[in-house]
C-alpha cells in the first residue's frame, strides 16, 4: 500500500517526537501535535503497523497491572525518511543556499533561494532557509561575531541545543546593535518558525543542519 501524504505527515511527526524524546511516545502525543483526534491517530497507527512502518511498546503505569501504549517508527520508516530522493533534494538546496550566502558577502544579496526554502514542506530545508535568512540579516557582524556563532554550534552537547543557541545569539546581536523594530520583528518571526521546524527534524537531520551552519559561517 502506497503511503498517502497524510500517512507520511503522521510518520514524520512521530519520528520527530521520538527523536526529540529519545524514546517511543504515546500515539495521543502525535494526535495532539497534528491537531487530530486520538481515534484517528490510533487508526493511523494500526494501518502503519500493518505496513511495517510503526512498532508498539508498552510502558508500565504507576497503577499496578496497567500499561500505556507507546509507538515508534521502525527501521523501514527510518529508511524512508533517509531515501535517495530526499538526500539529493537536500544537497541541491544546500548548494543553492551556500551560494546565496557567498553572493551576499560579495555585495550581491539575493533573497530568492532562502525565501523559497523557508516554505519547503521539508522541515530540514525550511530550517536551512531560515538559518540563511538569519545570517543574511547579520552581514554586518564582525569576524568575532561569526567565530562566536561557530563556537556556540560546535561546543553544544547536543545538535538541537547548538542550533537553538544560534537563533538566540542572532537575535541578541541585533538587539545589541539597536537595529530598527521592523527588522527585530522579522528576525523574531524567523526564529519562531525555526524553533518550530527544528522540533520536526530527526537527529540525523540536525547533524546535517549543524554541518550546514558551520560551512555557512566560513
C-alpha atoms as a PDB file:
ATOM      1  CA  UNK A   1       0.000   0.000   0.000  1.00  0.00           C
ATOM      2  CA  UNK A   2       1.398   3.393  -1.004  1.00  0.00           C
ATOM      3  CA  UNK A   3       1.926   5.981   1.701  1.00  0.00           C
ATOM      4  CA  UNK A   4      -0.528   8.835   1.340  1.00  0.00           C
ATOM      5  CA  UNK A   5       0.573  12.406   2.173  1.00  0.00           C
ATOM      6  CA  UNK A   6      -1.403  12.135   5.417  1.00  0.00           C
ATOM      7  CA  UNK A   7       0.391   8.950   6.448  1.00  0.00           C
ATOM      8  CA  UNK A   8       3.739  10.470   5.565  1.00  0.00           C
ATOM      9  CA  UNK A   9       2.858  13.504   7.691  1.00  0.00           C
ATOM     10  CA  UNK A  10       1.929  11.232  10.600  1.00  0.00           C
ATOM     11  CA  UNK A  11       5.184   9.276  10.281  1.00  0.00           C
ATOM     12  CA  UNK A  12       7.252  12.464  10.045  1.00  0.00           C
ATOM     13  CA  UNK A  13       5.662  13.883  13.192  1.00  0.00           C
ATOM     14  CA  UNK A  14       6.026  10.574  15.054  1.00  0.00           C
ATOM     15  CA  UNK A  15       9.692  10.374  14.076  1.00  0.00           C
ATOM     16  CA  UNK A  16      10.335  13.981  15.139  1.00  0.00           C
ATOM     17  CA  UNK A  17       8.692  13.431  18.542  1.00  0.00           C
ATOM     18  CA  UNK A  18      10.577  10.176  19.145  1.00  0.00           C
ATOM     19  CA  UNK A  19      13.894  11.790  18.151  1.00  0.00           C
ATOM     20  CA  UNK A  20      13.208  14.703  20.490  1.00  0.00           C
ATOM     21  CA  UNK A  21      12.184  12.480  23.426  1.00  0.00           C
ATOM     22  CA  UNK A  22      14.729   9.780  22.713  1.00  0.00           C
ATOM     23  CA  UNK A  23      12.090   7.088  23.178  1.00  0.00           C
ATOM     24  CA  UNK A  24       8.713   5.840  21.911  1.00  0.00           C
ATOM     25  CA  UNK A  25       5.788   8.187  22.556  1.00  0.00           C
ATOM     26  CA  UNK A  26       2.038   7.862  23.196  1.00  0.00           C
ATOM     27  CA  UNK A  27       0.063   7.986  19.952  1.00  0.00           C
ATOM     28  CA  UNK A  28      -2.025  10.695  21.605  1.00  0.00           C
ATOM     29  CA  UNK A  29       1.023  12.979  21.541  1.00  0.00           C
ATOM     30  CA  UNK A  30       1.138  12.634  17.754  1.00  0.00           C
ATOM     31  CA  UNK A  31      -2.589  13.315  17.580  1.00  0.00           C
ATOM     32  CA  UNK A  32      -2.172  16.497  19.628  1.00  0.00           C
ATOM     33  CA  UNK A  33       0.774  17.688  17.528  1.00  0.00           C
ATOM     34  CA  UNK A  34      -1.172  17.186  14.297  1.00  0.00           C
ATOM     35  CA  UNK A  35      -4.486  18.506  15.614  1.00  0.00           C
ATOM     36  CA  UNK A  36      -6.373  15.248  15.010  1.00  0.00           C
ATOM     37  CA  UNK A  37      -8.421  13.039  17.327  1.00  0.00           C
ATOM     38  CA  UNK A  38      -6.885  10.153  19.276  1.00  0.00           C
ATOM     39  CA  UNK A  39      -9.217   7.767  17.454  1.00  0.00           C
ATOM     40  CA  UNK A  40      -7.916   8.949  14.090  1.00  0.00           C
ATOM     41  CA  UNK A  41      -4.338   8.623  15.336  1.00  0.00           C
ATOM     42  CA  UNK A  42      -4.988   5.106  16.607  1.00  0.00           C
ATOM     43  CA  UNK A  43      -6.453   4.070  13.241  1.00  0.00           C
ATOM     44  CA  UNK A  44      -3.354   5.520  11.563  1.00  0.00           C
ATOM     45  CA  UNK A  45      -1.095   3.528  13.907  1.00  0.00           C
ATOM     46  CA  UNK A  46      -2.927   0.320  13.006  1.00  0.00           C
ATOM     47  CA  UNK A  47      -2.554   0.925   9.269  1.00  0.00           C
ATOM     48  CA  UNK A  48       1.124   1.902   9.515  1.00  0.00           C
ATOM     49  CA  UNK A  49       1.850  -1.032  11.822  1.00  0.00           C
ATOM     50  CA  UNK A  50       0.397  -3.472   9.283  1.00  0.00           C
ATOM     51  CA  UNK A  51       2.634  -1.932   6.614  1.00  0.00           C
ATOM     52  CA  UNK A  52       5.704  -2.251   8.825  1.00  0.00           C
ATOM     53  CA  UNK A  53       6.318   1.458   9.474  1.00  0.00           C
ATOM     54  CA  UNK A  54       5.332   1.588  13.155  1.00  0.00           C
ATOM     55  CA  UNK A  55       6.034  -0.632  16.155  1.00  0.00           C
ATOM     56  CA  UNK A  56       4.310  -0.748  19.524  1.00  0.00           C
ATOM     57  CA  UNK A  57       5.789  -0.663  23.010  1.00  0.00           C
ATOM     58  CA  UNK A  58       4.093  -0.877  26.382  1.00  0.00           C
ATOM     59  CA  UNK A  59       5.178   1.084  29.449  1.00  0.00           C
ATOM     60  CA  UNK A  60       4.022   0.123  32.931  1.00  0.00           C
ATOM     61  CA  UNK A  61       1.922   2.726  34.702  1.00  0.00           C
ATOM     62  CA  UNK A  62       2.242   3.549  38.386  1.00  0.00           C
ATOM     63  CA  UNK A  63      -1.059   1.775  38.946  1.00  0.00           C
ATOM     64  CA  UNK A  64      -0.283  -1.981  39.250  1.00  0.00           C
ATOM     65  CA  UNK A  65      -1.472  -4.081  36.336  1.00  0.00           C
ATOM     66  CA  UNK A  66      -1.920  -1.155  33.941  1.00  0.00           C
ATOM     67  CA  UNK A  67       0.248  -0.274  30.969  1.00  0.00           C
ATOM     68  CA  UNK A  68       0.365   2.531  28.405  1.00  0.00           C
ATOM     69  CA  UNK A  69       0.630   2.072  24.649  1.00  0.00           C
ATOM     70  CA  UNK A  70       3.629   3.785  23.049  1.00  0.00           C
ATOM     71  CA  UNK A  71       4.579   3.882  19.367  1.00  0.00           C
ATOM     72  CA  UNK A  72       7.789   4.486  17.428  1.00  0.00           C
ATOM     73  CA  UNK A  73       8.896   4.341  13.771  1.00  0.00           C
ATOM     74  CA  UNK A  74      10.545   1.142  12.534  1.00  0.00           C
ATOM     75  CA  UNK A  75      13.776   0.824  10.553  1.00  0.00           C
ATOM     76  CA  UNK A  76      11.618   0.771   7.422  1.00  0.00           C
ATOM     77  CA  UNK A  77      10.263   4.224   8.305  1.00  0.00           C
ATOM     78  CA  UNK A  78      13.771   5.487   9.065  1.00  0.00           C
ATOM     79  CA  UNK A  79      14.931   4.271   5.657  1.00  0.00           C
ATOM     80  CA  UNK A  80      12.012   6.036   4.006  1.00  0.00           C
ATOM     81  CA  UNK A  81      12.983   9.336   5.658  1.00  0.00           C
ATOM     82  CA  UNK A  82      16.584   8.969   4.528  1.00  0.00           C
ATOM     83  CA  UNK A  83      15.832   7.946   0.932  1.00  0.00           C
ATOM     84  CA  UNK A  84      17.998   8.905  -2.043  1.00  0.00           C
ATOM     85  CA  UNK A  85      15.440  11.415  -3.322  1.00  0.00           C
ATOM     86  CA  UNK A  86      15.449  13.279  -0.017  1.00  0.00           C
ATOM     87  CA  UNK A  87      19.251  13.331   0.137  1.00  0.00           C
ATOM     88  CA  UNK A  88      19.507  14.647  -3.415  1.00  0.00           C
ATOM     89  CA  UNK A  89      16.961  17.372  -2.700  1.00  0.00           C
ATOM     90  CA  UNK A  90      18.864  18.385   0.437  1.00  0.00           C
ATOM     91  CA  UNK A  91      22.151  18.581  -1.476  1.00  0.00           C
ATOM     92  CA  UNK A  92      20.540  20.782  -4.146  1.00  0.00           C
ATOM     93  CA  UNK A  93      19.141  23.208  -1.596  1.00  0.00           C
ATOM     94  CA  UNK A  94      22.345  23.193   0.459  1.00  0.00           C
ATOM     95  CA  UNK A  95      24.340  24.262  -2.613  1.00  0.00           C
ATOM     96  CA  UNK A  96      21.818  26.970  -3.515  1.00  0.00           C
ATOM     97  CA  UNK A  97      21.734  28.454  -0.031  1.00  0.00           C
ATOM     98  CA  UNK A  98      25.506  28.403   0.455  1.00  0.00           C
ATOM     99  CA  UNK A  99      25.873  30.025  -2.954  1.00  0.00           C
ATOM    100  CA  UNK A 100      23.385  32.729  -1.999  1.00  0.00           C
ATOM    101  CA  UNK A 101      25.345  33.446   1.189  1.00  0.00           C
ATOM    102  CA  UNK A 102      28.573  33.687  -0.782  1.00  0.00           C
ATOM    103  CA  UNK A 103      26.979  36.177  -3.179  1.00  0.00           C
ATOM    104  CA  UNK A 104      25.623  38.205  -0.264  1.00  0.00           C
ATOM    105  CA  UNK A 105      29.121  38.503   1.209  1.00  0.00           C
ATOM    106  CA  UNK A 106      30.283  39.796  -2.169  1.00  0.00           C
ATOM    107  CA  UNK A 107      27.613  42.507  -2.050  1.00  0.00           C
ATOM    108  CA  UNK A 108      25.134  40.756  -4.362  1.00  0.00           C
ATOM    109  CA  UNK A 109      22.355  39.779  -1.991  1.00  0.00           C
ATOM    110  CA  UNK A 110      19.528  37.732  -3.450  1.00  0.00           C
ATOM    111  CA  UNK A 111      16.733  36.600  -1.121  1.00  0.00           C
ATOM    112  CA  UNK A 112      15.035  34.303  -3.641  1.00  0.00           C
ATOM    113  CA  UNK A 113      16.502  30.978  -2.558  1.00  0.00           C
ATOM    114  CA  UNK A 114      16.053  31.350   1.180  1.00  0.00           C
ATOM    115  CA  UNK A 115      12.525  32.709   0.651  1.00  0.00           C
ATOM    116  CA  UNK A 116      11.612  29.574  -1.324  1.00  0.00           C
ATOM    117  CA  UNK A 117      13.433  27.251   1.074  1.00  0.00           C
ATOM    118  CA  UNK A 118      11.562  28.685   4.075  1.00  0.00           C
ATOM    119  CA  UNK A 119       8.292  27.479   2.523  1.00  0.00           C
ATOM    120  CA  UNK A 120       9.551  23.967   1.751  1.00  0.00           C
ATOM    121  CA  UNK A 121       7.460  21.064   3.084  1.00  0.00           C
ATOM    122  CA  UNK A 122      10.758  19.518   4.238  1.00  0.00           C
ATOM    123  CA  UNK A 123      11.458  20.738   7.803  1.00  0.00           C
ATOM    124  CA  UNK A 124      15.219  20.337   7.206  1.00  0.00           C
ATOM    125  CA  UNK A 125      15.210  22.530   4.090  1.00  0.00           C
ATOM    126  CA  UNK A 126      12.915  25.056   5.785  1.00  0.00           C
ATOM    127  CA  UNK A 127      15.343  25.245   8.737  1.00  0.00           C
ATOM    128  CA  UNK A 128      18.279  25.783   6.379  1.00  0.00           C
ATOM    129  CA  UNK A 129      16.363  28.551   4.608  1.00  0.00           C
ATOM    130  CA  UNK A 130      15.585  30.242   7.910  1.00  0.00           C
ATOM    131  CA  UNK A 131      19.233  29.991   9.015  1.00  0.00           C
ATOM    132  CA  UNK A 132      20.281  31.546   5.702  1.00  0.00           C
ATOM    133  CA  UNK A 133      17.817  34.390   6.202  1.00  0.00           C
ATOM    134  CA  UNK A 134      19.182  34.994   9.708  1.00  0.00           C
ATOM    135  CA  UNK A 135      22.790  35.037   8.538  1.00  0.00           C
ATOM    136  CA  UNK A 136      21.963  37.436   5.720  1.00  0.00           C
ATOM    137  CA  UNK A 137      20.425  39.803   8.250  1.00  0.00           C
ATOM    138  CA  UNK A 138      23.687  39.595  10.171  1.00  0.00           C
ATOM    139  CA  UNK A 139      26.014  40.544   7.334  1.00  0.00           C
ATOM    140  CA  UNK A 140      27.230  43.472   9.426  1.00  0.00           C
ATOM    141  CA  UNK A 141      28.508  41.228  12.212  1.00  0.00           C
ATOM    142  CA  UNK A 142      32.266  41.389  12.607  1.00  0.00           C
ATOM    143  CA  UNK A 143      34.564  38.372  12.317  1.00  0.00           C
ATOM    144  CA  UNK A 144      34.448  37.772  16.069  1.00  0.00           C
ATOM    145  CA  UNK A 145      30.668  37.506  15.847  1.00  0.00           C
ATOM    146  CA  UNK A 146      30.947  34.728  13.297  1.00  0.00           C
ATOM    147  CA  UNK A 147      33.551  32.951  15.401  1.00  0.00           C
ATOM    148  CA  UNK A 148      31.227  33.147  18.403  1.00  0.00           C
ATOM    149  CA  UNK A 149      28.404  31.573  16.424  1.00  0.00           C
ATOM    150  CA  UNK A 150      30.701  28.742  15.301  1.00  0.00           C
ATOM    151  CA  UNK A 151      31.760  28.126  18.898  1.00  0.00           C
ATOM    152  CA  UNK A 152      28.133  28.043  20.018  1.00  0.00           C
ATOM    153  CA  UNK A 153      27.349  25.328  17.472  1.00  0.00           C
ATOM    154  CA  UNK A 154      30.486  23.239  17.933  1.00  0.00           C
ATOM    155  CA  UNK A 155      30.615  23.254  21.749  1.00  0.00           C
ATOM    156  CA  UNK A 156      26.950  22.492  22.436  1.00  0.00           C
ATOM    157  CA  UNK A 157      26.461  18.986  23.902  1.00  0.00           C
ATOM    158  CA  UNK A 158      23.541  18.269  21.556  1.00  0.00           C
ATOM    159  CA  UNK A 159      22.923  19.473  17.982  1.00  0.00           C
ATOM    160  CA  UNK A 160      19.486  20.945  18.747  1.00  0.00           C
ATOM    161  CA  UNK A 161      20.925  22.942  21.654  1.00  0.00           C
ATOM    162  CA  UNK A 162      23.619  24.487  19.465  1.00  0.00           C
ATOM    163  CA  UNK A 163      21.092  25.356  16.777  1.00  0.00           C
ATOM    164  CA  UNK A 164      18.749  26.951  19.308  1.00  0.00           C
ATOM    165  CA  UNK A 165      21.623  28.999  20.728  1.00  0.00           C
ATOM    166  CA  UNK A 166      22.466  30.242  17.240  1.00  0.00           C
ATOM    167  CA  UNK A 167      18.961  31.665  16.993  1.00  0.00           C
ATOM    168  CA  UNK A 168      19.229  33.356  20.393  1.00  0.00           C
ATOM    169  CA  UNK A 169      22.701  34.712  19.676  1.00  0.00           C
ATOM    170  CA  UNK A 170      21.475  36.170  16.397  1.00  0.00           C
ATOM    171  CA  UNK A 171      18.562  37.995  17.995  1.00  0.00           C
ATOM    172  CA  UNK A 172      20.749  39.227  20.858  1.00  0.00           C
ATOM    173  CA  UNK A 173      23.312  40.632  18.440  1.00  0.00           C
ATOM    174  CA  UNK A 174      20.655  42.557  16.548  1.00  0.00           C
ATOM    175  CA  UNK A 175      19.109  43.996  19.694  1.00  0.00           C
ATOM    176  CA  UNK A 176      22.544  44.997  20.964  1.00  0.00           C
ATOM    177  CA  UNK A 177      23.136  46.936  17.770  1.00  0.00           C
ATOM    178  CA  UNK A 178      19.793  48.722  18.166  1.00  0.00           C
ATOM    179  CA  UNK A 179      18.533  47.977  14.654  1.00  0.00           C
ATOM    180  CA  UNK A 180      15.040  49.110  13.694  1.00  0.00           C
ATOM    181  CA  UNK A 181      11.976  47.449  15.196  1.00  0.00           C
ATOM    182  CA  UNK A 182      10.790  46.113  11.840  1.00  0.00           C
ATOM    183  CA  UNK A 183      13.992  44.114  11.449  1.00  0.00           C
ATOM    184  CA  UNK A 184      13.786  42.773  15.012  1.00  0.00           C
ATOM    185  CA  UNK A 185      10.196  41.705  14.357  1.00  0.00           C
ATOM    186  CA  UNK A 186      11.205  39.955  11.150  1.00  0.00           C
ATOM    187  CA  UNK A 187      14.091  38.179  12.862  1.00  0.00           C
ATOM    188  CA  UNK A 188      11.868  37.142  15.771  1.00  0.00           C
ATOM    189  CA  UNK A 189       9.436  35.563  13.295  1.00  0.00           C
ATOM    190  CA  UNK A 190      12.276  33.718  11.554  1.00  0.00           C
ATOM    191  CA  UNK A 191      13.422  32.372  14.917  1.00  0.00           C
ATOM    192  CA  UNK A 192       9.900  31.344  15.949  1.00  0.00           C
ATOM    193  CA  UNK A 193       9.472  29.353  12.743  1.00  0.00           C
ATOM    194  CA  UNK A 194      12.987  27.940  13.023  1.00  0.00           C
ATOM    195  CA  UNK A 195      12.286  26.567  16.507  1.00  0.00           C
ATOM    196  CA  UNK A 196       9.000  25.125  15.281  1.00  0.00           C
ATOM    197  CA  UNK A 197      10.607  23.358  12.307  1.00  0.00           C
ATOM    198  CA  UNK A 198      13.608  22.242  14.351  1.00  0.00           C
ATOM    199  CA  UNK A 199      11.293  20.159  16.529  1.00  0.00           C
ATOM    200  CA  UNK A 200      10.192  18.243  13.428  1.00  0.00           C
ATOM    201  CA  UNK A 201      13.571  17.046  12.165  1.00  0.00           C
ATOM    202  CA  UNK A 202      15.454  13.922  13.168  1.00  0.00           C
ATOM    203  CA  UNK A 203      18.771  13.691  14.989  1.00  0.00           C
ATOM    204  CA  UNK A 204      20.493  12.823  11.712  1.00  0.00           C
ATOM    205  CA  UNK A 205      18.948  15.858  10.028  1.00  0.00           C
ATOM    206  CA  UNK A 206      20.040  18.066  12.912  1.00  0.00           C
ATOM    207  CA  UNK A 207      23.610  16.972  12.332  1.00  0.00           C
ATOM    208  CA  UNK A 208      23.239  17.832   8.643  1.00  0.00           C
ATOM    209  CA  UNK A 209      21.933  21.248   9.674  1.00  0.00           C
ATOM    210  CA  UNK A 210      24.832  21.788  12.093  1.00  0.00           C
ATOM    211  CA  UNK A 211      27.273  20.979   9.268  1.00  0.00           C
ATOM    212  CA  UNK A 212      25.426  23.445   7.020  1.00  0.00           C
ATOM    213  CA  UNK A 213      25.645  26.202   9.662  1.00  0.00           C
ATOM    214  CA  UNK A 214      29.348  25.595  10.215  1.00  0.00           C
ATOM    215  CA  UNK A 215      30.031  25.830   6.480  1.00  0.00           C
ATOM    216  CA  UNK A 216      27.790  28.870   6.113  1.00  0.00           C
ATOM    217  CA  UNK A 217      29.733  30.725   8.806  1.00  0.00           C
ATOM    218  CA  UNK A 218      33.082  30.440   6.990  1.00  0.00           C
END
